[in-house]
């Protein structure tokens, strides 16, 4: 796994991982303190039950990314996942910590 150079790069790679159902990558890039909140089964269900359309990065800081992820649900209804995500870098590796949803 190639290391993301910034929090934004990690967020973009995680979006791609959702779109391509790379559950192991999503777990590995979640901070260890938060992994217990997520199950591989739930991540896979969320990733596969939606058709991911596009990503729009709204604002970034060195440790946060606000974005909108556009997707179609199983009924082909358009949705927007709007999130303000927090990241942390440890030993040169970026991790997703948590997010606030709008």
C-alpha atoms as a PDB file:
ATOM      1  CA  UNK A   1       0.000   0.000   0.000  1.00  0.00           C
ATOM      2  CA  UNK A   2       1.460   3.341  -1.064  1.00  0.00           C
ATOM      3  CA  UNK A   3       1.414   5.999   1.647  1.00  0.00           C
ATOM      4  CA  UNK A   4      -0.761   9.041   1.008  1.00  0.00           C
ATOM      5  CA  UNK A   5       1.314  12.249   1.234  1.00  0.00           C
ATOM      6  CA  UNK A   6      -1.543  14.362   2.667  1.00  0.00           C
ATOM      7  CA  UNK A   7      -4.882  14.017   4.423  1.00  0.00           C
ATOM      8  CA  UNK A   8      -6.625  15.047   1.193  1.00  0.00           C
ATOM      9  CA  UNK A   9      -4.768  12.386  -0.791  1.00  0.00           C
ATOM     10  CA  UNK A  10      -5.852   9.772   1.756  1.00  0.00           C
ATOM     11  CA  UNK A  11      -9.462  10.943   1.596  1.00  0.00           C
ATOM     12  CA  UNK A  12      -9.415  10.731  -2.211  1.00  0.00           C
ATOM     13  CA  UNK A  13      -7.939   7.237  -2.086  1.00  0.00           C
ATOM     14  CA  UNK A  14     -10.586   6.176   0.437  1.00  0.00           C
ATOM     15  CA  UNK A  15     -13.336   7.445  -1.880  1.00  0.00           C
ATOM     16  CA  UNK A  16     -11.823   5.332  -4.664  1.00  0.00           C
ATOM     17  CA  UNK A  17     -11.690   2.369  -2.285  1.00  0.00           C
ATOM     18  CA  UNK A  18     -15.418   2.730  -1.586  1.00  0.00           C
ATOM     19  CA  UNK A  19     -16.137   2.915  -5.316  1.00  0.00           C
ATOM     20  CA  UNK A  20     -14.086  -0.240  -5.975  1.00  0.00           C
ATOM     21  CA  UNK A  21     -15.089  -2.092  -2.771  1.00  0.00           C
ATOM     22  CA  UNK A  22     -11.582  -2.277  -1.254  1.00  0.00           C
ATOM     23  CA  UNK A  23     -12.704  -3.005   2.303  1.00  0.00           C
ATOM     24  CA  UNK A  24      -9.304  -4.055   3.643  1.00  0.00           C
ATOM     25  CA  UNK A  25      -7.811  -0.723   2.539  1.00  0.00           C
ATOM     26  CA  UNK A  26     -10.620   1.201   4.229  1.00  0.00           C
ATOM     27  CA  UNK A  27     -10.045  -0.644   7.497  1.00  0.00           C
ATOM     28  CA  UNK A  28      -6.248  -0.266   7.261  1.00  0.00           C
ATOM     29  CA  UNK A  29      -6.516   3.491   6.693  1.00  0.00           C
ATOM     30  CA  UNK A  30      -8.882   4.023   9.629  1.00  0.00           C
ATOM     31  CA  UNK A  31      -7.068   5.025  12.819  1.00  0.00           C
ATOM     32  CA  UNK A  32      -6.655   2.079  15.177  1.00  0.00           C
ATOM     33  CA  UNK A  33      -8.574   3.929  17.913  1.00  0.00           C
ATOM     34  CA  UNK A  34     -11.660   4.012  15.662  1.00  0.00           C
ATOM     35  CA  UNK A  35     -11.560   0.603  13.932  1.00  0.00           C
ATOM     36  CA  UNK A  36     -13.806  -1.036  16.516  1.00  0.00           C
ATOM     37  CA  UNK A  37     -16.636   1.238  15.307  1.00  0.00           C
ATOM     38  CA  UNK A  38     -16.645  -0.332  11.838  1.00  0.00           C
ATOM     39  CA  UNK A  39     -17.176  -3.859  10.576  1.00  0.00           C
ATOM     40  CA  UNK A  40     -15.947  -5.120   7.233  1.00  0.00           C
ATOM     41  CA  UNK A  41     -19.464  -6.371   6.513  1.00  0.00           C
ATOM     42  CA  UNK A  42     -21.028  -2.926   7.051  1.00  0.00           C
ATOM     43  CA  UNK A  43     -18.333  -1.177   5.025  1.00  0.00           C
ATOM     44  CA  UNK A  44     -18.815  -3.622   2.167  1.00  0.00           C
ATOM     45  CA  UNK A  45     -22.597  -3.230   2.306  1.00  0.00           C
ATOM     46  CA  UNK A  46     -22.337   0.591   2.161  1.00  0.00           C
ATOM     47  CA  UNK A  47     -19.751   0.448  -0.645  1.00  0.00           C
ATOM     48  CA  UNK A  48     -21.619  -2.049  -2.816  1.00  0.00           C
ATOM     49  CA  UNK A  49     -25.188  -0.867  -2.281  1.00  0.00           C
ATOM     50  CA  UNK A  50     -24.403   2.522  -3.796  1.00  0.00           C
ATOM     51  CA  UNK A  51     -23.215   3.573  -7.235  1.00  0.00           C
ATOM     52  CA  UNK A  52     -20.547   6.202  -6.553  1.00  0.00           C
ATOM     53  CA  UNK A  53     -20.719   9.019  -9.106  1.00  0.00           C
ATOM     54  CA  UNK A  54     -18.196  11.714  -8.220  1.00  0.00           C
ATOM     55  CA  UNK A  55     -16.222  13.381  -5.470  1.00  0.00           C
ATOM     56  CA  UNK A  56     -16.111  17.112  -4.788  1.00  0.00           C
ATOM     57  CA  UNK A  57     -13.518  18.430  -2.335  1.00  0.00           C
ATOM     58  CA  UNK A  58     -14.829  21.641  -0.767  1.00  0.00           C
ATOM     59  CA  UNK A  59     -12.133  22.652   1.712  1.00  0.00           C
ATOM     60  CA  UNK A  60      -8.942  21.233   3.167  1.00  0.00           C
ATOM     61  CA  UNK A  61      -6.538  21.962   6.002  1.00  0.00           C
ATOM     62  CA  UNK A  62      -3.479  19.886   6.886  1.00  0.00           C
ATOM     63  CA  UNK A  63      -5.665  17.557   9.033  1.00  0.00           C
ATOM     64  CA  UNK A  64      -9.235  18.000   7.739  1.00  0.00           C
ATOM     65  CA  UNK A  65     -11.138  17.576   4.495  1.00  0.00           C
ATOM     66  CA  UNK A  66     -14.677  18.700   3.761  1.00  0.00           C
ATOM     67  CA  UNK A  67     -16.171  16.911   0.781  1.00  0.00           C
ATOM     68  CA  UNK A  68     -19.299  15.813  -1.006  1.00  0.00           C
ATOM     69  CA  UNK A  69     -19.557  12.302  -2.446  1.00  0.00           C
ATOM     70  CA  UNK A  70     -22.368  11.892  -4.955  1.00  0.00           C
ATOM     71  CA  UNK A  71     -23.986   8.503  -5.369  1.00  0.00           C
ATOM     72  CA  UNK A  72     -27.065   6.646  -6.547  1.00  0.00           C
ATOM     73  CA  UNK A  73     -28.762   4.285  -4.105  1.00  0.00           C
ATOM     74  CA  UNK A  74     -30.252   0.890  -5.021  1.00  0.00           C
ATOM     75  CA  UNK A  75     -33.374   2.643  -6.340  1.00  0.00           C
ATOM     76  CA  UNK A  76     -31.264   4.921  -8.568  1.00  0.00           C
ATOM     77  CA  UNK A  77     -32.065   7.925  -6.358  1.00  0.00           C
ATOM     78  CA  UNK A  78     -29.363  10.621  -6.227  1.00  0.00           C
ATOM     79  CA  UNK A  79     -27.798  11.343  -2.813  1.00  0.00           C
ATOM     80  CA  UNK A  80     -24.969  13.482  -1.503  1.00  0.00           C
ATOM     81  CA  UNK A  81     -22.780  12.350   1.382  1.00  0.00           C
ATOM     82  CA  UNK A  82     -21.472  15.667   2.815  1.00  0.00           C
ATOM     83  CA  UNK A  83     -18.752  15.149   5.409  1.00  0.00           C
ATOM     84  CA  UNK A  84     -16.146  17.077   7.362  1.00  0.00           C
ATOM     85  CA  UNK A  85     -13.441  14.482   8.031  1.00  0.00           C
ATOM     86  CA  UNK A  86     -10.557  14.541  10.485  1.00  0.00           C
ATOM     87  CA  UNK A  87      -7.232  12.809   9.852  1.00  0.00           C
ATOM     88  CA  UNK A  88      -4.073  12.209  11.841  1.00  0.00           C
ATOM     89  CA  UNK A  89      -0.542  11.369  10.749  1.00  0.00           C
ATOM     90  CA  UNK A  90       1.468   8.871  12.794  1.00  0.00           C
ATOM     91  CA  UNK A  91       4.939   7.642  11.863  1.00  0.00           C
ATOM     92  CA  UNK A  92       4.534   9.237   8.432  1.00  0.00           C
ATOM     93  CA  UNK A  93       1.226   7.474   7.702  1.00  0.00           C
ATOM     94  CA  UNK A  94      -2.121   9.277   7.416  1.00  0.00           C
ATOM     95  CA  UNK A  95      -5.261   7.772   8.962  1.00  0.00           C
ATOM     96  CA  UNK A  96      -8.947   8.656   8.894  1.00  0.00           C
ATOM     97  CA  UNK A  97     -10.156   9.412  12.434  1.00  0.00           C
ATOM     98  CA  UNK A  98     -13.786  10.479  12.160  1.00  0.00           C
ATOM     99  CA  UNK A  99     -16.260  12.631  10.345  1.00  0.00           C
ATOM    100  CA  UNK A 100     -19.152  14.987  10.918  1.00  0.00           C
ATOM    101  CA  UNK A 101     -22.028  14.540   8.474  1.00  0.00           C
ATOM    102  CA  UNK A 102     -24.291  17.275   7.139  1.00  0.00           C
END
